[in-house]
Amino acid sequence: MDYIYFFGAIGSAMMLAAFFLKNLGDLDDNTIYDEVMNLLGSTFLIIYTWDLNAWPLFIMFTIWAVWSAKVLVEKTIKKS
């Protein structure tokens, strides 16, 4: 089995978990768990799409990762 599918599977699972944590969980808007999982999942999917040469998805997940990092920094600053 090719190792790259591991990155796709883990990244997709983390993005789905972040979605369910945010929308179906009991988390408030000040927690950072969903943003951390979005950032990590996006990073795994960036590696996955880079290897597959899926450039539109690579660009989308890169923008998503940058946005998640921005929100994560804002929430961290807001908490302190």
N, C-alpha and C. Protein backbone atom coordinates (compact mmCIF):
# COMPACT_ATOMS: atom_id res chain seq x y z
N MET A 1 0.85 -1.19 0.00
CA MET A 1 0.00 0.00 0.00
C MET A 1 0.89 1.24 0.00
N ASP A 2 0.51 2.18 -0.77
CA ASP A 2 1.28 3.41 -0.88
C ASP A 2 1.05 4.27 0.36
N TYR A 3 2.10 4.87 0.83
CA TYR A 3 2.02 5.66 2.07
C TYR A 3 1.14 6.89 1.93
N ILE A 4 0.99 7.41 0.74
CA ILE A 4 0.30 8.70 0.56
C ILE A 4 -1.19 8.59 0.91
N TYR A 5 -1.77 7.42 0.77
CA TYR A 5 -3.18 7.25 1.14
C TYR A 5 -3.40 7.42 2.63
N PHE A 6 -2.37 7.14 3.41
CA PHE A 6 -2.43 7.37 4.85
C PHE A 6 -2.67 8.84 5.14
N PHE A 7 -1.95 9.71 4.42
CA PHE A 7 -2.13 11.15 4.62
C PHE A 7 -3.54 11.58 4.25
N GLY A 8 -4.06 11.07 3.17
CA GLY A 8 -5.42 11.42 2.77
C GLY A 8 -6.46 10.94 3.77
N ALA A 9 -6.29 9.74 4.27
CA ALA A 9 -7.25 9.18 5.23
C ALA A 9 -7.20 9.93 6.55
N ILE A 10 -6.01 10.18 7.07
CA ILE A 10 -5.88 10.88 8.35
C ILE A 10 -6.37 12.32 8.22
N GLY A 11 -5.99 12.99 7.14
CA GLY A 11 -6.43 14.37 6.93
C GLY A 11 -7.93 14.48 6.82
N SER A 12 -8.54 13.58 6.07
CA SER A 12 -9.99 13.61 5.93
C SER A 12 -10.68 13.32 7.27
N ALA A 13 -10.17 12.37 8.02
CA ALA A 13 -10.76 12.05 9.32
C ALA A 13 -10.65 13.22 10.28
N MET A 14 -9.53 13.92 10.26
CA MET A 14 -9.36 15.05 11.16
C MET A 14 -10.28 16.21 10.78
N MET A 15 -10.45 16.43 9.48
CA MET A 15 -11.34 17.50 9.05
C MET A 15 -12.79 17.18 9.41
N LEU A 16 -13.19 15.92 9.24
CA LEU A 16 -14.55 15.53 9.64
C LEU A 16 -14.74 15.63 11.15
N ALA A 17 -13.73 15.23 11.91
CA ALA A 17 -13.83 15.32 13.36
C ALA A 17 -13.94 16.78 13.80
N ALA A 18 -13.19 17.66 13.15
CA ALA A 18 -13.27 19.09 13.49
C ALA A 18 -14.66 19.63 13.17
N PHE A 19 -15.23 19.21 12.05
CA PHE A 19 -16.56 19.65 11.68
C PHE A 19 -17.59 19.20 12.72
N PHE A 20 -17.51 17.91 13.11
CA PHE A 20 -18.47 17.40 14.08
C PHE A 20 -18.26 18.00 15.46
N LEU A 21 -17.01 18.26 15.84
CA LEU A 21 -16.76 18.92 17.12
C LEU A 21 -17.38 20.31 17.14
N LYS A 22 -17.23 21.01 16.05
CA LYS A 22 -17.71 22.39 16.00
C LYS A 22 -19.24 22.44 15.94
N ASN A 23 -19.85 21.62 15.11
CA ASN A 23 -21.28 21.75 14.84
C ASN A 23 -22.17 20.86 15.71
N LEU A 24 -21.67 19.73 16.13
CA LEU A 24 -22.52 18.82 16.90
C LEU A 24 -22.07 18.65 18.35
N GLY A 25 -20.88 19.14 18.65
CA GLY A 25 -20.36 18.99 20.01
C GLY A 25 -20.84 20.11 20.91
N ASP A 26 -20.38 20.04 22.13
CA ASP A 26 -20.75 21.04 23.13
C ASP A 26 -19.67 22.10 23.28
N LEU A 27 -18.87 22.30 22.26
CA LEU A 27 -17.79 23.28 22.35
C LEU A 27 -18.34 24.69 22.14
N ASP A 28 -17.81 25.62 22.89
CA ASP A 28 -18.17 27.01 22.65
C ASP A 28 -17.22 27.58 21.61
N ASP A 29 -17.43 28.82 21.24
CA ASP A 29 -16.64 29.42 20.16
C ASP A 29 -15.24 29.80 20.58
N ASN A 30 -14.93 29.74 21.86
CA ASN A 30 -13.61 30.15 22.32
C ASN A 30 -12.61 29.00 22.42
N THR A 31 -13.05 27.77 22.21
CA THR A 31 -12.12 26.65 22.29
C THR A 31 -11.32 26.56 21.00
N ILE A 32 -10.13 25.99 21.11
CA ILE A 32 -9.24 25.95 19.96
C ILE A 32 -9.12 24.54 19.37
N TYR A 33 -9.81 23.56 19.95
CA TYR A 33 -9.64 22.18 19.50
C TYR A 33 -10.05 21.99 18.05
N ASP A 34 -11.15 22.60 17.65
CA ASP A 34 -11.60 22.43 16.27
C ASP A 34 -10.64 23.09 15.29
N GLU A 35 -10.06 24.22 15.66
CA GLU A 35 -9.11 24.89 14.77
C GLU A 35 -7.80 24.13 14.66
N VAL A 36 -7.36 23.53 15.76
CA VAL A 36 -6.15 22.73 15.72
C VAL A 36 -6.36 21.52 14.81
N MET A 37 -7.52 20.88 14.93
CA MET A 37 -7.80 19.72 14.07
C MET A 37 -7.96 20.14 12.61
N ASN A 38 -8.56 21.30 12.36
CA ASN A 38 -8.64 21.80 10.99
C ASN A 38 -7.26 22.04 10.41
N LEU A 39 -6.38 22.64 11.21
CA LEU A 39 -5.04 22.94 10.74
C LEU A 39 -4.24 21.67 10.46
N LEU A 40 -4.31 20.71 11.37
CA LEU A 40 -3.59 19.45 11.16
C LEU A 40 -4.17 18.65 9.98
N GLY A 41 -5.49 18.60 9.91
CA GLY A 41 -6.12 17.90 8.79
C GLY A 41 -5.80 18.53 7.46
N SER A 42 -5.79 19.85 7.41
CA SER A 42 -5.42 20.55 6.18
C SER A 42 -3.98 20.26 5.80
N THR A 43 -3.11 20.20 6.78
CA THR A 43 -1.70 19.91 6.50
C THR A 43 -1.55 18.51 5.90
N PHE A 44 -2.22 17.53 6.47
CA PHE A 44 -2.16 16.19 5.89
C PHE A 44 -2.72 16.17 4.47
N LEU A 45 -3.81 16.89 4.24
CA LEU A 45 -4.40 16.90 2.91
C LEU A 45 -3.56 17.71 1.92
N ILE A 46 -2.82 18.69 2.38
CA ILE A 46 -1.89 19.41 1.50
C ILE A 46 -0.81 18.45 1.01
N ILE A 47 -0.25 17.65 1.92
CA ILE A 47 0.76 16.66 1.52
C ILE A 47 0.17 15.66 0.54
N TYR A 48 -1.05 15.22 0.80
CA TYR A 48 -1.73 14.25 -0.05
C TYR A 48 -1.96 14.80 -1.46
N THR A 49 -2.48 16.01 -1.54
CA THR A 49 -2.78 16.57 -2.87
C THR A 49 -1.52 16.99 -3.60
N TRP A 50 -0.46 17.35 -2.88
CA TRP A 50 0.82 17.68 -3.53
C TRP A 50 1.36 16.45 -4.25
N ASP A 51 1.31 15.31 -3.60
CA ASP A 51 1.83 14.10 -4.19
C ASP A 51 0.99 13.63 -5.38
N LEU A 52 -0.30 13.88 -5.34
CA LEU A 52 -1.18 13.45 -6.43
C LEU A 52 -1.27 14.48 -7.56
N ASN A 53 -0.61 15.62 -7.40
CA ASN A 53 -0.66 16.71 -8.38
C ASN A 53 -2.09 17.21 -8.61
N ALA A 54 -2.85 17.25 -7.58
CA ALA A 54 -4.22 17.77 -7.63
C ALA A 54 -4.17 19.24 -7.21
N TRP A 55 -3.78 20.09 -8.13
CA TRP A 55 -3.46 21.48 -7.79
C TRP A 55 -4.65 22.29 -7.30
N PRO A 56 -5.84 22.17 -7.87
CA PRO A 56 -6.95 22.94 -7.31
C PRO A 56 -7.25 22.58 -5.84
N LEU A 57 -7.19 21.30 -5.53
CA LEU A 57 -7.40 20.89 -4.13
C LEU A 57 -6.24 21.33 -3.25
N PHE A 58 -5.03 21.29 -3.79
CA PHE A 58 -3.86 21.76 -3.04
C PHE A 58 -4.03 23.23 -2.66
N ILE A 59 -4.46 24.04 -3.61
CA ILE A 59 -4.66 25.47 -3.34
C ILE A 59 -5.78 25.66 -2.32
N MET A 60 -6.87 24.91 -2.47
CA MET A 60 -7.98 25.04 -1.53
C MET A 60 -7.56 24.68 -0.11
N PHE A 61 -6.86 23.56 0.06
CA PHE A 61 -6.45 23.16 1.40
C PHE A 61 -5.37 24.08 1.97
N THR A 62 -4.55 24.67 1.12
CA THR A 62 -3.56 25.64 1.60
C THR A 62 -4.25 26.88 2.13
N ILE A 63 -5.25 27.37 1.42
CA ILE A 63 -6.01 28.53 1.89
C ILE A 63 -6.74 28.18 3.19
N TRP A 64 -7.29 26.99 3.26
CA TRP A 64 -8.00 26.54 4.47
C TRP A 64 -7.04 26.48 5.66
N ALA A 65 -5.81 25.99 5.43
CA ALA A 65 -4.83 25.89 6.51
C ALA A 65 -4.41 27.28 6.99
N VAL A 66 -4.21 28.19 6.06
CA VAL A 66 -3.83 29.55 6.44
C VAL A 66 -4.96 30.21 7.22
N TRP A 67 -6.18 30.02 6.78
CA TRP A 67 -7.33 30.59 7.49
C TRP A 67 -7.46 29.98 8.89
N SER A 68 -7.28 28.67 9.00
CA SER A 68 -7.35 28.02 10.31
C SER A 68 -6.25 28.52 11.24
N ALA A 69 -5.06 28.72 10.70
CA ALA A 69 -3.96 29.25 11.51
C ALA A 69 -4.27 30.66 11.99
N LYS A 70 -4.87 31.48 11.12
CA LYS A 70 -5.24 32.85 11.50
C LYS A 70 -6.27 32.83 12.63
N VAL A 71 -7.29 32.01 12.49
CA VAL A 71 -8.33 31.92 13.52
C VAL A 71 -7.75 31.36 14.82
N LEU A 72 -6.86 30.38 14.70
CA LEU A 72 -6.24 29.80 15.88
C LEU A 72 -5.42 30.83 16.65
N VAL A 73 -4.67 31.65 15.93
CA VAL A 73 -3.88 32.70 16.58
C VAL A 73 -4.81 33.73 17.23
N GLU A 74 -5.88 34.10 16.54
CA GLU A 74 -6.83 35.06 17.12
C GLU A 74 -7.47 34.52 18.39
N LYS A 75 -7.87 33.25 18.38
CA LYS A 75 -8.49 32.66 19.57
C LYS A 75 -7.48 32.53 20.71
N THR A 76 -6.24 32.22 20.38
CA THR A 76 -5.21 32.09 21.41
C THR A 76 -4.92 33.44 22.05
N ILE A 77 -4.84 34.48 21.23
CA ILE A 77 -4.61 35.82 21.77
C ILE A 77 -5.80 36.26 22.62
N LYS A 78 -7.00 35.94 22.16
CA LYS A 78 -8.22 36.32 22.88
C LYS A 78 -8.29 35.63 24.24
N LYS A 79 -7.80 34.38 24.31
CA LYS A 79 -7.83 33.63 25.57
C LYS A 79 -6.87 34.20 26.60
N SER A 80 -5.75 34.72 26.16
CA SER A 80 -4.75 35.18 27.13
C SER A 80 -4.95 36.62 27.55
